C-alpha cells in the first residue's frame, strides 16, 4: 500500500491513524494501477472525495495487513475493479470478502459498486474459467474453506448491478459534482452526458 496515495496525507501508517473514508478502491495493481484505477482515484480526489487507494504490490508486513481491514471497515462505499487478474490476487479476494461482510453488517450505511474492467459478468459469476482457475490455485495454498469464502464473496457481488468498462482510461464528467454525488454520477451515469461505462446487471 502506498501511503502517499491515500487521500489524507497526514496518515502515519498505524492502525490508530486510519480515518473514515468515503470510498475504498480495490484493484489488482498490474492490471489497472497505471491506468484506470489511478485515473479514477485522481478524479475522485479532485471532487474532494476521501478515497483509500491501496497498491497491492506494497502489501508487506504486519502493520499493512492490520491497516487494510481497518480502512475497509471505516469506508462507506467499496469499488472493486474486477480485471482479468483480480481473482489471482489473494489480497484482492480478502478485501472483497471483508467488503461483503461489512455491507451485510451495516446494509444501510455501506454499499458495493463493482466495475468490470475487460472482463464479463459471467467471469465474476464464476461461469467461466477466468476466475475459477485462479481459485483452484488458491485452494492448493489456502485450503477449501478459504476458497469457498472467496467464491461466496464473488457470487455475492455478482448479484449487484455494476459497470462494464468499454474502453481504457476514464474521463471526468462535463461538470464536477460535489463529493459523493460525483462518485455516484461517475459510476451510475445519472446525469445527462457522455459516460465511459455501460450499465450491466450481473444477475
Protein backbone atom coordinates (compact mmCIF):
# COMPACT_ATOMS: atom_id res chain seq x y z
CA UNK A 1 0.00 0.00 0.00
CA UNK A 2 1.36 3.40 -0.96
CA UNK A 3 0.62 5.70 1.96
CA UNK A 4 1.23 8.68 -0.28
CA UNK A 5 -1.68 7.56 -2.44
CA UNK A 6 -4.19 7.84 0.39
CA UNK A 7 -6.32 10.95 0.25
CA UNK A 8 -5.20 12.02 3.72
CA UNK A 9 -1.51 12.86 3.65
CA UNK A 10 -1.26 13.03 7.44
CA UNK A 11 -1.73 9.28 7.84
CA UNK A 12 1.21 7.89 9.78
CA UNK A 13 0.70 4.27 8.78
CA UNK A 14 -0.51 2.97 12.14
CA UNK A 15 -3.92 1.36 12.54
CA UNK A 16 -4.99 4.02 15.02
CA UNK A 17 -4.38 6.77 12.43
CA UNK A 18 -6.81 5.35 9.88
CA UNK A 19 -9.63 7.82 9.32
CA UNK A 20 -13.09 7.41 7.85
CA UNK A 21 -13.11 7.13 4.07
CA UNK A 22 -15.93 7.71 1.66
CA UNK A 23 -14.51 5.22 -0.87
CA UNK A 24 -12.24 2.19 -0.77
CA UNK A 25 -10.80 1.18 -4.15
CA UNK A 26 -9.90 -2.49 -4.57
CA UNK A 27 -7.92 -3.47 -7.65
CA UNK A 28 -5.06 -5.63 -8.86
CA UNK A 29 -2.11 -3.34 -9.43
CA UNK A 30 -0.56 -4.86 -12.57
CA UNK A 31 -3.93 -4.70 -14.37
CA UNK A 32 -5.09 -1.17 -13.60
CA UNK A 33 -2.68 0.75 -11.35
CA UNK A 34 -1.05 2.74 -14.14
CA UNK A 35 -4.31 3.32 -15.97
CA UNK A 36 -7.94 3.27 -14.96
CA UNK A 37 -7.57 2.87 -11.18
CA UNK A 38 -5.10 5.73 -10.90
CA UNK A 39 -7.26 7.92 -13.13
CA UNK A 40 -10.39 7.21 -11.11
CA UNK A 41 -8.53 7.87 -7.87
CA UNK A 42 -7.36 11.30 -9.01
CA UNK A 43 -10.78 12.21 -10.38
CA UNK A 44 -12.32 11.46 -7.01
CA UNK A 45 -9.62 13.40 -5.20
CA UNK A 46 -10.37 16.42 -7.35
CA UNK A 47 -14.02 16.03 -6.34
CA UNK A 48 -12.97 16.13 -2.66
CA UNK A 49 -13.85 12.50 -2.05
CA UNK A 50 -11.82 10.87 0.71
CA UNK A 51 -10.60 7.72 -1.01
CA UNK A 52 -8.37 4.91 0.18
CA UNK A 53 -6.16 3.87 -2.73
CA UNK A 54 -4.23 0.70 -2.00
CA UNK A 55 -1.39 -0.62 -4.11
CA UNK A 56 -1.23 -4.39 -3.98
CA UNK A 57 2.48 -4.50 -4.81
CA UNK A 58 3.31 -2.85 -1.49
CA UNK A 59 1.39 -5.31 0.72
CA UNK A 60 4.18 -6.14 3.12
CA UNK A 61 4.46 -6.59 6.86
CA UNK A 62 2.03 -6.98 9.74
CA UNK A 63 1.32 -3.24 10.00
CA UNK A 64 -0.07 -3.09 6.48
CA UNK A 65 -2.02 -6.32 6.96
CA UNK A 66 -3.63 -4.78 10.05
CA UNK A 67 -4.39 -1.43 8.47
CA UNK A 68 -6.24 -2.66 5.38
CA UNK A 69 -9.13 -4.31 7.29
CA UNK A 70 -9.48 -1.16 9.38
CA UNK A 71 -9.58 1.05 6.27
CA UNK A 72 -12.27 -1.19 4.77
CA UNK A 73 -14.28 -1.10 7.98
CA UNK A 74 -14.12 2.70 8.05
CA UNK A 75 -15.10 3.18 4.40
CA UNK A 76 -18.64 3.86 3.16
CA UNK A 77 -18.51 2.80 -0.49
CA UNK A 78 -16.48 -0.08 -1.88
CA UNK A 79 -15.41 -0.06 -5.52
CA UNK A 80 -13.85 -3.38 -6.57
CA UNK A 81 -12.38 -3.12 -10.07
CA UNK A 82 -12.72 -6.63 -11.48
CA UNK A 83 -9.96 -7.16 -14.03
CA UNK A 84 -8.63 -10.31 -15.67
CA UNK A 85 -6.14 -10.88 -12.89
CA UNK A 86 -8.26 -9.72 -9.95
CA UNK A 87 -9.01 -13.22 -8.67
CA UNK A 88 -5.36 -14.23 -8.93
CA UNK A 89 -4.60 -11.87 -6.04
CA UNK A 90 -5.32 -13.25 -2.56
CA UNK A 91 -5.14 -9.68 -1.26
CA UNK A 92 -7.96 -8.58 -3.57
CA UNK A 93 -10.12 -11.55 -2.61
CA UNK A 94 -9.55 -10.95 1.09
CA UNK A 95 -10.56 -7.34 0.63
CA UNK A 96 -13.65 -8.37 -1.31
CA UNK A 97 -14.73 -10.86 1.35
CA UNK A 98 -14.42 -8.22 4.05
CA UNK A 99 -16.35 -5.70 1.95
CA UNK A 100 -19.21 -8.18 1.65
CA UNK A 101 -19.16 -8.81 5.40
CA UNK A 102 -19.19 -5.08 6.18
CA UNK A 103 -22.15 -4.44 3.87
CA UNK A 104 -24.07 -7.34 5.40
CA UNK A 105 -23.47 -6.00 8.90
CA UNK A 106 -24.45 -2.40 8.01
CA UNK A 107 -26.54 -2.52 4.82
CA UNK A 108 -28.00 0.95 5.36
CA UNK A 109 -24.59 2.58 5.75
CA UNK A 110 -22.38 0.84 3.20
CA UNK A 111 -22.59 -0.28 -0.42
CA UNK A 112 -20.54 -2.02 -3.11
CA UNK A 113 -20.32 -0.57 -6.62
CA UNK A 114 -18.46 -3.07 -8.84
CA UNK A 115 -16.65 -2.18 -12.05
CA UNK A 116 -15.81 -4.77 -14.69
CA UNK A 117 -12.59 -3.93 -16.49
CA UNK A 118 -12.03 -6.11 -19.54
CA UNK A 119 -13.98 -8.99 -18.00
CA UNK A 120 -17.56 -10.18 -18.44
CA UNK A 121 -20.33 -10.67 -15.85
CA UNK A 122 -20.06 -14.43 -16.36
CA UNK A 123 -16.46 -14.28 -15.14
CA UNK A 124 -17.48 -12.73 -11.82
CA UNK A 125 -20.37 -15.19 -11.54
CA UNK A 126 -17.79 -17.99 -11.92
CA UNK A 127 -19.37 -19.29 -15.09
CA UNK A 128 -16.10 -19.20 -16.98
CA UNK A 129 -12.56 -20.35 -16.26
CA UNK A 130 -11.29 -16.78 -15.91
CA UNK A 131 -11.61 -16.71 -12.11
CA UNK A 132 -12.19 -20.39 -11.43
CA UNK A 133 -8.65 -21.28 -12.46
CA UNK A 134 -7.26 -18.72 -10.02
CA UNK A 135 -9.46 -20.04 -7.21
CA UNK A 136 -8.26 -23.57 -7.88
CA UNK A 137 -4.68 -22.39 -7.43
CA UNK A 138 -5.57 -20.57 -4.20
CA UNK A 139 -7.18 -23.74 -2.84
CA UNK A 140 -3.83 -25.52 -3.06
CA UNK A 141 -2.24 -22.90 -0.82
CA UNK A 142 -5.05 -21.70 1.44
CA UNK A 143 -7.42 -24.69 1.57
CA UNK A 144 -11.05 -25.43 0.71
CA UNK A 145 -12.55 -23.21 3.41
CA UNK A 146 -10.82 -20.09 2.15
CA UNK A 147 -11.70 -20.90 -1.45
CA UNK A 148 -15.38 -21.23 -0.53
CA UNK A 149 -15.26 -17.93 1.34
CA UNK A 150 -13.79 -16.14 -1.66
CA UNK A 151 -16.17 -17.85 -4.08
CA UNK A 152 -19.13 -16.76 -1.96
CA UNK A 153 -17.85 -13.19 -1.90
CA UNK A 154 -17.57 -13.12 -5.70
CA UNK A 155 -21.02 -14.62 -6.15
CA UNK A 156 -22.49 -12.15 -3.68
CA UNK A 157 -21.04 -9.14 -5.52
CA UNK A 158 -22.12 -10.68 -8.84
CA UNK A 159 -25.72 -10.03 -7.75
CA UNK A 160 -25.08 -6.29 -7.64
CA UNK A 161 -25.67 -4.06 -10.62
CA UNK A 162 -22.28 -2.88 -11.83
CA UNK A 163 -20.50 -1.06 -14.62
CA UNK A 164 -18.60 -2.58 -17.51
CA UNK A 165 -15.69 -0.55 -18.81
CA UNK A 166 -15.99 -0.26 -22.58
CA UNK A 167 -12.65 1.39 -23.24
CA UNK A 168 -9.46 2.14 -21.40
CA UNK A 169 -8.99 5.31 -19.47
CA UNK A 170 -11.57 7.43 -17.74
CA UNK A 171 -13.00 10.85 -18.27
CA UNK A 172 -14.32 13.48 -15.94
CA UNK A 173 -17.97 14.36 -16.35
CA UNK A 174 -18.65 17.66 -18.12
CA UNK A 175 -19.46 19.31 -14.80
CA UNK A 176 -17.82 18.45 -11.50
CA UNK A 177 -20.27 17.47 -8.80
CA UNK A 178 -19.66 17.65 -5.06
CA UNK A 179 -18.22 14.75 -3.11
CA UNK A 180 -20.24 11.51 -3.16
CA UNK A 181 -22.63 12.91 -5.76
CA UNK A 182 -19.67 12.94 -8.13
CA UNK A 183 -18.88 9.30 -7.46
CA UNK A 184 -22.45 8.16 -7.90
CA UNK A 185 -22.69 10.17 -11.11
CA UNK A 186 -19.42 8.78 -12.40
CA UNK A 187 -20.39 5.19 -11.70
CA UNK A 188 -24.16 5.27 -12.19
CA UNK A 189 -24.29 7.80 -15.04
CA UNK A 190 -27.33 9.51 -13.57
CA UNK A 191 -26.74 12.85 -15.25
CA UNK A 192 -27.12 13.79 -18.92
CA UNK A 193 -23.92 13.46 -20.92
CA UNK A 194 -21.30 11.00 -22.04
CA UNK A 195 -20.13 8.10 -19.95
CA UNK A 196 -17.28 5.59 -20.46
CA UNK A 197 -19.35 2.79 -18.92
CA UNK A 198 -22.44 0.88 -19.90
CA UNK A 199 -24.83 -0.29 -17.25
CA UNK A 200 -25.00 -4.03 -16.69
CA UNK A 201 -26.91 -6.29 -14.40
CA UNK A 202 -24.61 -9.06 -13.23
CA UNK A 203 -27.52 -11.30 -12.31
